[in-house]
Amino acid sequence: MSADLPVNLALLPAWLDPEVILTNLGPFLLPGLCLIIFAECGLLLGFFLPGDSLLFTAGLFVAIDKMPAPLWLVCVLLTVCAFVGNVVGYWIGAKAGPALFSKPDSKLFKREHVDKTHAFFEKYGPRAIVLARFVPIVRTFITAIAGVGRMDQRKFFVYSAVGAVLWATGVTVLGYFLGQIPFVHSNLEAMILLIVFVSIIPIIIEVLKARREKKRAAA
């Protein structure tokens, strides 16, 4: 298999292209990726980062020997960063939540993001911590919302750990094994778009289930 990746994703700006991001990290590829995953999961400014496609592409990089670490180490580090990011996000919400989320809209902060995340958390409860891993933007704000609501810490840590493993390890491993298939390697853009679609399937299922329950209740 060739070690060269296909051309950049035409549907994404260069600064959101996971291949461009990882390639530009150079010798700091793995620590840089870990920092990005941490930021998206814990720092409110990380909501615009393409976490899903970065994890998938990281797995692909491991498969073609462009990642300076074995798959198991990459998965462990990314999972830990995703979990620690959630813990930091929870702390931010618990300590500065009400004052922080009462701010008006700005270029980076949108009240709409907070409102949608709060509604998501209220609808699905603790399991939202796991489901939100696969939903961009919600993934970033859900931990702070949990902190604001003073969610039980033990329960939060358990759900966060489960979500970190399923997301960080799961998507990376998926990228690793699919990346060894020539067709996937040659059609990275289509694969990343597929990953985006697959990432919202759990939410689609939950929405359909909620609608079905609502109809039953109305009947």
N, C-alpha and C. Protein backbone atom coordinates (compact mmCIF):
# COMPACT_ATOMS: atom_id res chain seq x y z
N MET A 1 0.85 -1.21 0.00
CA MET A 1 0.00 0.00 0.00
C MET A 1 0.87 1.24 0.00
N SER A 2 0.48 2.21 -0.77
CA SER A 2 1.25 3.45 -0.82
C SER A 2 1.08 4.21 0.48
N ALA A 3 2.12 4.92 0.86
CA ALA A 3 2.06 5.70 2.11
C ALA A 3 1.55 7.11 1.86
N ASP A 4 1.16 7.40 0.64
CA ASP A 4 0.67 8.73 0.31
C ASP A 4 -0.84 8.77 0.45
N LEU A 5 -1.32 9.85 1.03
CA LEU A 5 -2.75 10.04 1.18
C LEU A 5 -3.31 10.73 -0.05
N PRO A 6 -4.62 10.60 -0.30
CA PRO A 6 -5.22 11.27 -1.44
C PRO A 6 -5.24 12.77 -1.25
N VAL A 7 -5.70 13.45 -2.25
CA VAL A 7 -5.72 14.91 -2.21
C VAL A 7 -6.63 15.40 -1.11
N ASN A 8 -6.47 16.66 -0.74
CA ASN A 8 -7.25 17.24 0.35
C ASN A 8 -8.74 17.18 0.08
N LEU A 9 -9.51 17.19 1.15
CA LEU A 9 -10.95 17.13 1.03
C LEU A 9 -11.48 18.40 0.37
N ALA A 10 -12.15 18.24 -0.74
CA ALA A 10 -12.63 19.39 -1.49
C ALA A 10 -13.79 20.10 -0.80
N LEU A 11 -14.53 19.37 0.04
CA LEU A 11 -15.72 19.94 0.66
C LEU A 11 -15.43 20.64 1.97
N LEU A 12 -14.19 20.60 2.43
CA LEU A 12 -13.83 21.23 3.69
C LEU A 12 -12.76 22.29 3.47
N PRO A 13 -12.83 23.41 4.22
CA PRO A 13 -11.73 24.38 4.16
C PRO A 13 -10.47 23.74 4.69
N ALA A 14 -9.31 24.21 4.23
CA ALA A 14 -8.04 23.58 4.59
C ALA A 14 -7.85 23.48 6.10
N TRP A 15 -8.30 24.48 6.85
CA TRP A 15 -8.05 24.47 8.29
C TRP A 15 -8.95 23.47 9.02
N LEU A 16 -9.94 22.88 8.32
CA LEU A 16 -10.77 21.85 8.90
C LEU A 16 -10.52 20.48 8.28
N ASP A 17 -9.63 20.44 7.31
CA ASP A 17 -9.28 19.18 6.65
C ASP A 17 -8.43 18.36 7.61
N PRO A 18 -8.90 17.20 8.07
CA PRO A 18 -8.14 16.43 9.06
C PRO A 18 -6.75 16.02 8.57
N GLU A 19 -6.63 15.72 7.28
CA GLU A 19 -5.32 15.36 6.74
C GLU A 19 -4.35 16.53 6.84
N VAL A 20 -4.83 17.73 6.48
CA VAL A 20 -3.99 18.92 6.54
C VAL A 20 -3.59 19.22 7.98
N ILE A 21 -4.56 19.13 8.90
CA ILE A 21 -4.28 19.42 10.31
C ILE A 21 -3.20 18.48 10.85
N LEU A 22 -3.37 17.19 10.64
CA LEU A 22 -2.43 16.22 11.18
C LEU A 22 -1.07 16.32 10.50
N THR A 23 -1.06 16.53 9.21
CA THR A 23 0.21 16.65 8.49
C THR A 23 0.99 17.87 8.95
N ASN A 24 0.29 18.99 9.17
CA ASN A 24 0.96 20.23 9.58
C ASN A 24 1.51 20.16 11.00
N LEU A 25 1.05 19.19 11.78
CA LEU A 25 1.58 19.05 13.14
C LEU A 25 3.02 18.53 13.14
N GLY A 26 3.42 17.92 12.01
CA GLY A 26 4.80 17.48 11.85
C GLY A 26 5.27 16.56 12.96
N PRO A 27 6.42 16.86 13.57
CA PRO A 27 6.96 15.98 14.62
C PRO A 27 6.11 15.98 15.89
N PHE A 28 5.17 16.91 15.99
CA PHE A 28 4.30 16.99 17.16
C PHE A 28 2.92 16.38 16.86
N LEU A 29 2.89 15.47 15.91
CA LEU A 29 1.63 14.89 15.45
C LEU A 29 0.80 14.31 16.59
N LEU A 30 1.37 13.39 17.35
CA LEU A 30 0.59 12.74 18.40
C LEU A 30 0.25 13.68 19.56
N PRO A 31 1.22 14.42 20.11
CA PRO A 31 0.85 15.34 21.21
C PRO A 31 -0.11 16.43 20.73
N GLY A 32 0.05 16.88 19.48
CA GLY A 32 -0.86 17.89 18.95
C GLY A 32 -2.27 17.36 18.82
N LEU A 33 -2.39 16.12 18.34
CA LEU A 33 -3.71 15.49 18.22
C LEU A 33 -4.35 15.31 19.59
N CYS A 34 -3.55 14.90 20.56
CA CYS A 34 -4.07 14.73 21.93
C CYS A 34 -4.59 16.06 22.48
N LEU A 35 -3.88 17.13 22.21
CA LEU A 35 -4.29 18.45 22.68
C LEU A 35 -5.60 18.87 22.02
N ILE A 36 -5.74 18.58 20.73
CA ILE A 36 -6.97 18.93 20.01
C ILE A 36 -8.17 18.18 20.59
N ILE A 37 -8.00 16.87 20.83
CA ILE A 37 -9.10 16.08 21.38
C ILE A 37 -9.46 16.56 22.78
N PHE A 38 -8.45 16.89 23.57
CA PHE A 38 -8.70 17.44 24.91
C PHE A 38 -9.49 18.73 24.82
N ALA A 39 -9.09 19.62 23.90
CA ALA A 39 -9.74 20.92 23.76
C ALA A 39 -11.19 20.77 23.33
N GLU A 40 -11.43 19.86 22.39
CA GLU A 40 -12.81 19.70 21.90
C GLU A 40 -13.72 19.12 22.96
N CYS A 41 -13.17 18.29 23.84
CA CYS A 41 -13.99 17.65 24.86
C CYS A 41 -14.10 18.47 26.14
N GLY A 42 -13.21 19.42 26.35
CA GLY A 42 -13.24 20.12 27.62
C GLY A 42 -13.24 21.63 27.58
N LEU A 43 -12.63 22.22 26.56
CA LEU A 43 -12.55 23.68 26.49
C LEU A 43 -13.63 24.20 25.56
N LEU A 44 -14.38 25.16 25.99
CA LEU A 44 -15.54 25.64 25.23
C LEU A 44 -15.15 26.22 23.88
N LEU A 45 -13.90 26.59 23.70
CA LEU A 45 -13.46 27.14 22.42
C LEU A 45 -13.16 26.05 21.40
N GLY A 46 -13.27 24.78 21.81
CA GLY A 46 -12.91 23.69 20.91
C GLY A 46 -14.07 23.13 20.11
N PHE A 47 -15.24 23.80 20.15
CA PHE A 47 -16.41 23.22 19.51
C PHE A 47 -16.31 23.13 17.99
N PHE A 48 -15.44 23.96 17.38
CA PHE A 48 -15.34 23.97 15.92
C PHE A 48 -14.36 22.93 15.39
N LEU A 49 -13.70 22.19 16.26
CA LEU A 49 -12.69 21.23 15.84
C LEU A 49 -13.34 19.94 15.32
N PRO A 50 -12.82 19.36 14.23
CA PRO A 50 -13.42 18.17 13.61
C PRO A 50 -12.96 16.87 14.27
N GLY A 51 -13.40 16.63 15.50
CA GLY A 51 -12.90 15.50 16.26
C GLY A 51 -13.11 14.14 15.62
N ASP A 52 -14.31 13.86 15.12
CA ASP A 52 -14.60 12.55 14.53
C ASP A 52 -13.67 12.23 13.37
N SER A 53 -13.57 13.15 12.44
CA SER A 53 -12.75 12.91 11.25
C SER A 53 -11.26 12.89 11.61
N LEU A 54 -10.86 13.62 12.64
CA LEU A 54 -9.46 13.58 13.07
C LEU A 54 -9.11 12.21 13.65
N LEU A 55 -10.00 11.65 14.45
CA LEU A 55 -9.76 10.33 15.02
C LEU A 55 -9.69 9.28 13.92
N PHE A 56 -10.61 9.35 12.99
CA PHE A 56 -10.63 8.40 11.88
C PHE A 56 -9.34 8.50 11.06
N THR A 57 -8.94 9.73 10.76
CA THR A 57 -7.72 9.94 9.98
C THR A 57 -6.49 9.53 10.75
N ALA A 58 -6.51 9.71 12.08
CA ALA A 58 -5.39 9.27 12.91
C ALA A 58 -5.22 7.75 12.81
N GLY A 59 -6.34 7.03 12.84
CA GLY A 59 -6.27 5.59 12.67
C GLY A 59 -5.72 5.21 11.31
N LEU A 60 -6.10 5.98 10.30
CA LEU A 60 -5.58 5.76 8.95
C LEU A 60 -4.08 6.02 8.91
N PHE A 61 -3.63 7.06 9.58
CA PHE A 61 -2.19 7.37 9.64
C PHE A 61 -1.41 6.24 10.28
N VAL A 62 -1.99 5.62 11.32
CA VAL A 62 -1.31 4.50 11.95
C VAL A 62 -1.19 3.34 10.96
N ALA A 63 -2.26 3.11 10.21
CA ALA A 63 -2.29 1.99 9.27
C ALA A 63 -1.25 2.13 8.17
N ILE A 64 -0.94 3.37 7.78
CA ILE A 64 0.03 3.58 6.69
C ILE A 64 1.37 4.07 7.22
N ASP A 65 1.58 3.87 8.54
CA ASP A 65 2.88 4.18 9.17
C ASP A 65 3.25 5.66 9.10
N LYS A 66 2.26 6.52 9.21
CA LYS A 66 2.55 7.96 9.27
C LYS A 66 2.36 8.50 10.69
N MET A 67 1.98 7.62 11.62
CA MET A 67 1.84 8.00 13.02
C MET A 67 3.01 7.40 13.80
N PRO A 68 3.76 8.21 14.54
CA PRO A 68 4.96 7.70 15.25
C PRO A 68 4.64 6.96 16.54
N ALA A 69 3.64 6.09 16.50
CA ALA A 69 3.26 5.33 17.68
C ALA A 69 2.36 4.18 17.25
N PRO A 70 2.35 3.09 18.01
CA PRO A 70 1.47 1.96 17.68
C PRO A 70 0.01 2.29 17.98
N LEU A 71 -0.89 1.51 17.41
CA LEU A 71 -2.32 1.77 17.56
C LEU A 71 -2.77 1.78 19.01
N TRP A 72 -2.28 0.82 19.81
CA TRP A 72 -2.75 0.73 21.19
C TRP A 72 -2.38 1.98 21.98
N LEU A 73 -1.18 2.52 21.74
CA LEU A 73 -0.75 3.71 22.47
C LEU A 73 -1.56 4.93 22.03
N VAL A 74 -1.80 5.05 20.74
CA VAL A 74 -2.60 6.16 20.22
C VAL A 74 -3.99 6.12 20.84
N CYS A 75 -4.60 4.94 20.89
CA CYS A 75 -5.95 4.81 21.44
C CYS A 75 -5.99 5.15 22.93
N VAL A 76 -5.00 4.68 23.67
CA VAL A 76 -4.95 4.95 25.11
C VAL A 76 -4.82 6.44 25.37
N LEU A 77 -3.88 7.08 24.67
CA LEU A 77 -3.65 8.52 24.89
C LEU A 77 -4.87 9.35 24.51
N LEU A 78 -5.49 9.03 23.38
CA LEU A 78 -6.65 9.80 22.93
C LEU A 78 -7.85 9.59 23.85
N THR A 79 -8.01 8.37 24.34
CA THR A 79 -9.11 8.09 25.26
C THR A 79 -8.92 8.84 26.57
N VAL A 80 -7.69 8.84 27.09
CA VAL A 80 -7.40 9.57 28.32
C VAL A 80 -7.65 11.06 28.13
N CYS A 81 -7.21 11.61 27.00
CA CYS A 81 -7.40 13.04 26.73
C CYS A 81 -8.88 13.38 26.62
N ALA A 82 -9.66 12.50 26.00
CA ALA A 82 -11.10 12.73 25.88
C ALA A 82 -11.76 12.72 27.26
N PHE A 83 -11.33 11.80 28.11
CA PHE A 83 -11.91 11.71 29.46
C PHE A 83 -11.50 12.91 30.31
N VAL A 84 -10.21 13.23 30.30
CA VAL A 84 -9.72 14.37 31.08
C VAL A 84 -10.37 15.66 30.60
N GLY A 85 -10.57 15.77 29.28
CA GLY A 85 -11.25 16.94 28.74
C GLY A 85 -12.64 17.09 29.32
N ASN A 86 -13.35 15.98 29.45
CA ASN A 86 -14.68 16.01 30.05
C ASN A 86 -14.63 16.46 31.50
N VAL A 87 -13.65 15.97 32.23
CA VAL A 87 -13.52 16.35 33.64
C VAL A 87 -13.27 17.85 33.77
N VAL A 88 -12.39 18.38 32.92
CA VAL A 88 -12.11 19.82 32.94
C VAL A 88 -13.35 20.61 32.56
N GLY A 89 -14.08 20.12 31.55
CA GLY A 89 -15.31 20.79 31.14
C GLY A 89 -16.34 20.82 32.26
N TYR A 90 -16.45 19.72 32.99
CA TYR A 90 -17.37 19.65 34.12
C TYR A 90 -16.98 20.67 35.19
N TRP A 91 -15.67 20.76 35.45
CA TRP A 91 -15.17 21.70 36.45
C TRP A 91 -15.46 23.14 36.03
N ILE A 92 -15.28 23.44 34.76
CA ILE A 92 -15.57 24.78 34.24
C ILE A 92 -17.03 25.11 34.46
N GLY A 93 -17.90 24.15 34.12
CA GLY A 93 -19.33 24.38 34.30
C GLY A 93 -19.72 24.56 35.75
N ALA A 94 -19.12 23.75 36.64
CA ALA A 94 -19.46 23.82 38.06
C ALA A 94 -18.97 25.11 38.71
N LYS A 95 -17.80 25.59 38.28
CA LYS A 95 -17.20 26.77 38.91
C LYS A 95 -17.64 28.08 38.29
N ALA A 96 -17.79 28.09 36.97
CA ALA A 96 -18.05 29.37 36.30
C ALA A 96 -19.26 29.31 35.37
N GLY A 97 -20.03 28.23 35.45
CA GLY A 97 -21.13 28.02 34.52
C GLY A 97 -22.15 29.14 34.39
N PRO A 98 -22.89 29.46 35.45
CA PRO A 98 -23.95 30.46 35.34
C PRO A 98 -23.46 31.80 34.79
N ALA A 99 -22.34 32.28 35.28
CA ALA A 99 -21.82 33.57 34.80
C ALA A 99 -21.33 33.46 33.36
N LEU A 100 -20.73 32.33 33.03
CA LEU A 100 -20.18 32.14 31.69
C LEU A 100 -21.27 32.02 30.65
N PHE A 101 -22.31 31.23 30.94
CA PHE A 101 -23.34 30.97 29.96
C PHE A 101 -24.39 32.07 29.86
N SER A 102 -24.29 33.08 30.70
CA SER A 102 -25.23 34.20 30.61
C SER A 102 -24.72 35.30 29.69
N LYS A 103 -23.52 35.10 29.13
CA LYS A 103 -22.95 36.11 28.24
C LYS A 103 -23.70 36.15 26.91
N PRO A 104 -23.77 37.34 26.28
CA PRO A 104 -24.41 37.44 24.97
C PRO A 104 -23.56 36.79 23.89
N ASP A 105 -24.14 36.67 22.69
CA ASP A 105 -23.42 36.06 21.57
C ASP A 105 -22.16 36.85 21.22
N SER A 106 -21.15 36.11 20.77
CA SER A 106 -19.93 36.72 20.25
C SER A 106 -19.51 35.92 19.04
N LYS A 107 -18.34 36.21 18.50
CA LYS A 107 -17.89 35.49 17.31
C LYS A 107 -17.70 34.00 17.58
N LEU A 108 -17.24 33.65 18.78
CA LEU A 108 -16.98 32.25 19.10
C LEU A 108 -18.06 31.62 19.96
N PHE A 109 -18.72 32.43 20.77
CA PHE A 109 -19.71 31.90 21.71
C PHE A 109 -21.12 32.22 21.21
N LYS A 110 -21.93 31.20 21.04
CA LYS A 110 -23.30 31.37 20.60
C LYS A 110 -24.24 30.79 21.66
N ARG A 111 -25.16 31.60 22.11
CA ARG A 111 -26.13 31.15 23.10
C ARG A 111 -26.93 29.96 22.58
N GLU A 112 -27.14 29.92 21.29
CA GLU A 112 -27.89 28.84 20.65
C GLU A 112 -27.24 27.48 20.94
N HIS A 113 -25.90 27.44 20.93
CA HIS A 113 -25.19 26.19 21.20
C HIS A 113 -25.49 25.69 22.61
N VAL A 114 -25.48 26.60 23.55
CA VAL A 114 -25.74 26.25 24.95
C VAL A 114 -27.18 25.77 25.13
N ASP A 115 -28.12 26.48 24.53
CA ASP A 115 -29.53 26.12 24.66
C ASP A 115 -29.81 24.74 24.08
N LYS A 116 -29.24 24.47 22.90
CA LYS A 116 -29.46 23.16 22.27
C LYS A 116 -28.84 22.04 23.10
N THR A 117 -27.65 22.31 23.65
CA THR A 117 -26.99 21.30 24.46
C THR A 117 -27.76 21.04 25.75
N HIS A 118 -28.26 22.12 26.36
CA HIS A 118 -29.04 21.97 27.59
C HIS A 118 -30.29 21.14 27.33
N ALA A 119 -30.97 21.41 26.21
CA ALA A 119 -32.17 20.65 25.85
C ALA A 119 -31.82 19.18 25.61
N PHE A 120 -30.69 18.96 24.98
CA PHE A 120 -30.22 17.59 24.71
C PHE A 120 -29.98 16.84 26.02
N PHE A 121 -29.35 17.51 26.96
CA PHE A 121 -29.04 16.89 28.25
C PHE A 121 -30.33 16.62 29.04
N GLU A 122 -31.26 17.56 29.00
CA GLU A 122 -32.51 17.40 29.72
C GLU A 122 -33.33 16.24 29.14
N LYS A 123 -33.23 16.04 27.85
CA LYS A 123 -34.01 15.02 27.18
C LYS A 123 -33.49 13.61 27.45
N TYR A 124 -32.16 13.45 27.43
CA TYR A 124 -31.59 12.12 27.52
C TYR A 124 -30.91 11.80 28.84
N GLY A 125 -30.79 12.78 29.73
CA GLY A 125 -30.24 12.52 31.04
C GLY A 125 -28.78 12.09 30.98
N PRO A 126 -28.33 11.24 31.93
CA PRO A 126 -26.92 10.84 32.00
C PRO A 126 -26.41 10.20 30.71
N ARG A 127 -27.26 9.45 30.00
CA ARG A 127 -26.79 8.80 28.78
C ARG A 127 -26.41 9.81 27.71
N ALA A 128 -26.85 11.07 27.90
CA ALA A 128 -26.47 12.12 26.95
C ALA A 128 -24.96 12.32 26.94
N ILE A 129 -24.29 12.03 28.06
CA ILE A 129 -22.84 12.18 28.13
C ILE A 129 -22.17 11.23 27.13
N VAL A 130 -22.74 10.03 26.97
CA VAL A 130 -22.20 9.07 26.00
C VAL A 130 -22.62 9.43 24.58
N LEU A 131 -23.90 9.70 24.39
CA LEU A 131 -24.41 10.01 23.05
C LEU A 131 -23.76 11.25 22.47
N ALA A 132 -23.52 12.24 23.34
CA ALA A 132 -22.98 13.52 22.87
C ALA A 132 -21.59 13.39 22.29
N ARG A 133 -20.86 12.35 22.65
CA ARG A 133 -19.52 12.14 22.10
C ARG A 133 -19.55 12.13 20.57
N PHE A 134 -20.65 11.70 20.01
CA PHE A 134 -20.74 11.53 18.56
C PHE A 134 -21.46 12.69 17.88
N VAL A 135 -21.68 13.79 18.63
CA VAL A 135 -22.38 14.96 18.07
C VAL A 135 -21.50 16.19 18.20
N PRO A 136 -20.99 16.72 17.08
CA PRO A 136 -20.16 17.93 17.13
C PRO A 136 -20.90 19.07 17.84
N ILE A 137 -20.17 19.97 18.47
CA ILE A 137 -20.67 21.11 19.24
C ILE A 137 -21.28 20.63 20.56
N VAL A 138 -22.30 19.75 20.49
CA VAL A 138 -22.89 19.22 21.72
C VAL A 138 -21.82 18.52 22.55
N ARG A 139 -20.90 17.82 21.87
CA ARG A 139 -19.80 17.12 22.55
C ARG A 139 -18.99 18.08 23.42
N THR A 140 -18.83 19.32 22.97
CA THR A 140 -18.02 20.29 23.69
C THR A 140 -18.76 20.90 24.87
N PHE A 141 -20.04 21.19 24.69
CA PHE A 141 -20.78 21.93 25.72
C PHE A 141 -21.45 21.03 26.76
N ILE A 142 -21.67 19.75 26.44
CA ILE A 142 -22.45 18.89 27.34
C ILE A 142 -21.79 18.73 28.70
N THR A 143 -20.45 18.68 28.74
CA THR A 143 -19.78 18.48 30.03
C THR A 143 -19.94 19.70 30.94
N ALA A 144 -19.85 20.88 30.35
CA ALA A 144 -20.03 22.08 31.15
C ALA A 144 -21.47 22.18 31.66
N ILE A 145 -22.43 21.79 30.81
CA ILE A 145 -23.83 21.80 31.22
C ILE A 145 -24.04 20.83 32.39
N ALA A 146 -23.37 19.68 32.32
CA ALA A 146 -23.46 18.72 33.43
C ALA A 146 -22.89 19.32 34.71
N GLY A 147 -21.83 20.10 34.58
CA GLY A 147 -21.25 20.76 35.73
C GLY A 147 -22.17 21.82 36.31
N VAL A 148 -22.79 22.58 35.44
CA VAL A 148 -23.73 23.61 35.88
C VAL A 148 -24.88 22.97 36.65
N GLY A 149 -25.37 21.83 36.13
CA GLY A 149 -26.48 21.14 36.77
C GLY A 149 -26.08 20.30 37.97
N ARG A 150 -24.78 20.31 38.32
CA ARG A 150 -24.27 19.55 39.47
C ARG A 150 -24.62 18.07 39.36
N MET A 151 -24.45 17.51 38.18
CA MET A 151 -24.68 16.08 37.99
C MET A 151 -23.77 15.31 38.94
N ASP A 152 -24.27 14.20 39.50
CA ASP A 152 -23.48 13.39 40.41
C ASP A 152 -22.13 13.06 39.77
N GLN A 153 -21.04 13.38 40.46
CA GLN A 153 -19.71 13.23 39.89
C GLN A 153 -19.37 11.78 39.54
N ARG A 154 -19.71 10.86 40.42
CA ARG A 154 -19.38 9.46 40.13
C ARG A 154 -20.09 9.00 38.86
N LYS A 155 -21.36 9.33 38.74
CA LYS A 155 -22.12 8.95 37.55
C LYS A 155 -21.54 9.63 36.31
N PHE A 156 -21.18 10.89 36.46
CA PHE A 156 -20.60 11.63 35.33
C PHE A 156 -19.30 10.99 34.88
N PHE A 157 -18.43 10.63 35.81
CA PHE A 157 -17.14 10.03 35.47
C PHE A 157 -17.33 8.68 34.77
N VAL A 158 -18.29 7.89 35.24
CA VAL A 158 -18.53 6.58 34.62
C VAL A 158 -19.00 6.73 33.18
N TYR A 159 -20.00 7.59 32.97
CA TYR A 159 -20.52 7.80 31.62
C TYR A 159 -19.47 8.44 30.72
N SER A 160 -18.67 9.33 31.28
CA SER A 160 -17.61 9.98 30.50
C SER A 160 -16.56 8.96 30.06
N ALA A 161 -16.21 8.05 30.96
CA ALA A 161 -15.22 7.03 30.63
C ALA A 161 -15.73 6.11 29.54
N VAL A 162 -16.98 5.69 29.66
CA VAL A 162 -17.58 4.82 28.63
C VAL A 162 -17.61 5.54 27.28
N GLY A 163 -18.05 6.78 27.31
CA GLY A 163 -18.10 7.55 26.07
C GLY A 163 -16.74 7.77 25.46
N ALA A 164 -15.73 8.00 26.30
CA ALA A 164 -14.37 8.23 25.80
C ALA A 164 -13.84 7.00 25.08
N VAL A 165 -14.08 5.82 25.65
CA VAL A 165 -13.62 4.59 25.03
C VAL A 165 -14.34 4.34 23.71
N LEU A 166 -15.66 4.47 23.73
CA LEU A 166 -16.44 4.21 22.51
C LEU A 166 -16.06 5.17 21.39
N TRP A 167 -15.85 6.43 21.76
CA TRP A 167 -15.58 7.45 20.74
C TRP A 167 -14.11 7.47 20.33
N ALA A 168 -13.23 7.78 21.26
CA ALA A 168 -11.81 7.96 20.92
C ALA A 168 -11.18 6.67 20.41
N THR A 169 -11.39 5.59 21.13
CA THR A 169 -10.82 4.32 20.70
C THR A 169 -11.58 3.74 19.52
N GLY A 170 -12.90 3.76 19.60
CA GLY A 170 -13.72 3.16 18.55
C GLY A 170 -13.51 3.77 17.17
N VAL A 171 -13.55 5.09 17.08
CA VAL A 171 -13.41 5.75 15.78
C VAL A 171 -11.98 5.60 15.26
N THR A 172 -11.00 5.65 16.16
CA THR A 172 -9.60 5.50 15.74
C THR A 172 -9.33 4.09 15.19
N VAL A 173 -9.81 3.09 15.91
CA VAL A 173 -9.65 1.70 15.45
C VAL A 173 -10.37 1.49 14.13
N LEU A 174 -11.54 2.10 14.00
CA LEU A 174 -12.28 1.99 12.73
C LEU A 174 -11.46 2.56 11.58
N GLY A 175 -10.85 3.71 11.81
CA GLY A 175 -10.01 4.32 10.79
C GLY A 175 -8.80 3.45 10.46
N TYR A 176 -8.26 2.78 11.48
CA TYR A 176 -7.09 1.93 11.28
C TYR A 176 -7.41 0.75 10.37
N PHE A 177 -8.47 0.03 10.67
CA PHE A 177 -8.80 -1.16 9.89
C PHE A 177 -9.35 -0.82 8.51
N LEU A 178 -10.20 0.20 8.45
CA LEU A 178 -10.71 0.59 7.13
C LEU A 178 -9.60 1.21 6.29
N GLY A 179 -8.64 1.87 6.96
CA GLY A 179 -7.55 2.51 6.23
C GLY A 179 -6.65 1.53 5.50
N GLN A 180 -6.73 0.26 5.87
CA GLN A 180 -5.91 -0.75 5.20
C GLN A 180 -6.58 -1.31 3.95
N ILE A 181 -7.81 -0.87 3.71
CA ILE A 181 -8.53 -1.29 2.51
C ILE A 181 -8.22 -0.30 1.40
N PRO A 182 -7.70 -0.75 0.27
CA PRO A 182 -7.31 0.15 -0.82
C PRO A 182 -8.43 1.12 -1.24
N PHE A 183 -9.66 0.63 -1.32
CA PHE A 183 -10.77 1.50 -1.75
C PHE A 183 -10.96 2.66 -0.77
N VAL A 184 -10.90 2.35 0.54
CA VAL A 184 -11.06 3.40 1.55
C VAL A 184 -9.89 4.37 1.48
N HIS A 185 -8.70 3.85 1.32
CA HIS A 185 -7.51 4.68 1.24
C HIS A 185 -7.58 5.64 0.06
N SER A 186 -8.20 5.21 -1.02
CA SER A 186 -8.28 6.03 -2.24
C SER A 186 -9.49 6.95 -2.25
N ASN A 187 -10.40 6.78 -1.29
CA ASN A 187 -11.62 7.60 -1.26
C ASN A 187 -11.84 8.14 0.15
N LEU A 188 -10.81 8.80 0.67
CA LEU A 188 -10.85 9.29 2.05
C LEU A 188 -11.98 10.28 2.26
N GLU A 189 -12.23 11.14 1.29
CA GLU A 189 -13.28 12.15 1.45
C GLU A 189 -14.63 11.49 1.68
N ALA A 190 -14.96 10.51 0.87
CA ALA A 190 -16.24 9.82 1.02
C ALA A 190 -16.32 9.11 2.36
N MET A 191 -15.20 8.54 2.81
CA MET A 191 -15.20 7.83 4.08
C MET A 191 -15.44 8.76 5.26
N ILE A 192 -14.83 9.94 5.22
CA ILE A 192 -15.01 10.90 6.31
C ILE A 192 -16.44 11.41 6.35
N LEU A 193 -17.01 11.64 5.19
CA LEU A 193 -18.42 12.06 5.15
C LEU A 193 -19.31 10.95 5.70
N LEU A 194 -18.94 9.70 5.41
CA LEU A 194 -19.70 8.57 5.95
C LEU A 194 -19.58 8.52 7.47
N ILE A 195 -18.38 8.81 7.98
CA ILE A 195 -18.17 8.82 9.43
C ILE A 195 -19.07 9.88 10.08
N VAL A 196 -19.18 11.04 9.45
CA VAL A 196 -20.04 12.10 9.98
C VAL A 196 -21.48 11.62 10.05
N PHE A 197 -21.92 10.92 9.00
CA PHE A 197 -23.30 10.40 8.98
C PHE A 197 -23.51 9.35 10.06
N VAL A 198 -22.56 8.42 10.14
CA VAL A 198 -22.68 7.35 11.14
C VAL A 198 -22.68 7.92 12.55
N SER A 199 -21.95 9.01 12.77
CA SER A 199 -21.85 9.58 14.11
C SER A 199 -23.18 10.12 14.63
N ILE A 200 -24.10 10.45 13.71
CA ILE A 200 -25.38 10.98 14.17
C ILE A 200 -26.48 9.92 14.22
N ILE A 201 -26.15 8.67 13.84
CA ILE A 201 -27.15 7.62 13.87
C ILE A 201 -27.72 7.40 15.27
N PRO A 202 -26.87 7.37 16.34
CA PRO A 202 -27.44 7.20 17.69
C PRO A 202 -28.46 8.27 18.04
N ILE A 203 -28.22 9.49 17.58
CA ILE A 203 -29.16 10.57 17.87
C ILE A 203 -30.45 10.39 17.09
N ILE A 204 -30.34 9.96 15.84
CA ILE A 204 -31.53 9.71 15.03
C ILE A 204 -32.40 8.65 15.69
N ILE A 205 -31.74 7.59 16.18
CA ILE A 205 -32.47 6.51 16.85
C ILE A 205 -33.20 7.03 18.08
N GLU A 206 -32.48 7.85 18.87
CA GLU A 206 -33.09 8.39 20.08
C GLU A 206 -34.26 9.31 19.77
N VAL A 207 -34.14 10.12 18.72
CA VAL A 207 -35.23 11.03 18.33
C VAL A 207 -36.45 10.24 17.90
N LEU A 208 -36.23 9.21 17.08
CA LEU A 208 -37.34 8.38 16.62
C LEU A 208 -38.01 7.66 17.79
N LYS A 209 -37.20 7.19 18.73
CA LYS A 209 -37.74 6.52 19.90
C LYS A 209 -38.57 7.48 20.75
N ALA A 210 -38.07 8.71 20.90
CA ALA A 210 -38.79 9.71 21.69
C ALA A 210 -40.13 10.07 21.03
N ARG A 211 -40.13 10.18 19.71
CA ARG A 211 -41.37 10.49 19.00
C ARG A 211 -42.38 9.36 19.15
N ARG A 212 -41.87 8.11 19.08
CA ARG A 212 -42.75 6.96 19.21
C ARG A 212 -43.37 6.93 20.61
N GLU A 213 -42.56 7.22 21.63
CA GLU A 213 -43.08 7.23 23.00
C GLU A 213 -44.09 8.35 23.20
N LYS A 214 -43.82 9.49 22.54
CA LYS A 214 -44.74 10.64 22.67
C LYS A 214 -46.08 10.32 22.04
N LYS A 215 -46.06 9.62 20.91
CA LYS A 215 -47.31 9.24 20.25
C LYS A 215 -48.09 8.24 21.10
N ARG A 216 -47.36 7.31 21.72
CA ARG A 216 -48.01 6.34 22.57
C ARG A 216 -48.67 7.01 23.77
N ALA A 217 -47.95 7.99 24.34
CA ALA A 217 -48.48 8.71 25.49
C ALA A 217 -49.73 9.51 25.13
N ALA A 218 -49.68 10.10 23.92
CA ALA A 218 -50.83 10.89 23.46
C ALA A 218 -52.03 9.99 23.20
N ALA A 219 -51.75 8.78 22.71
CA ALA A 219 -52.84 7.83 22.43
C ALA A 219 -53.48 7.33 23.71
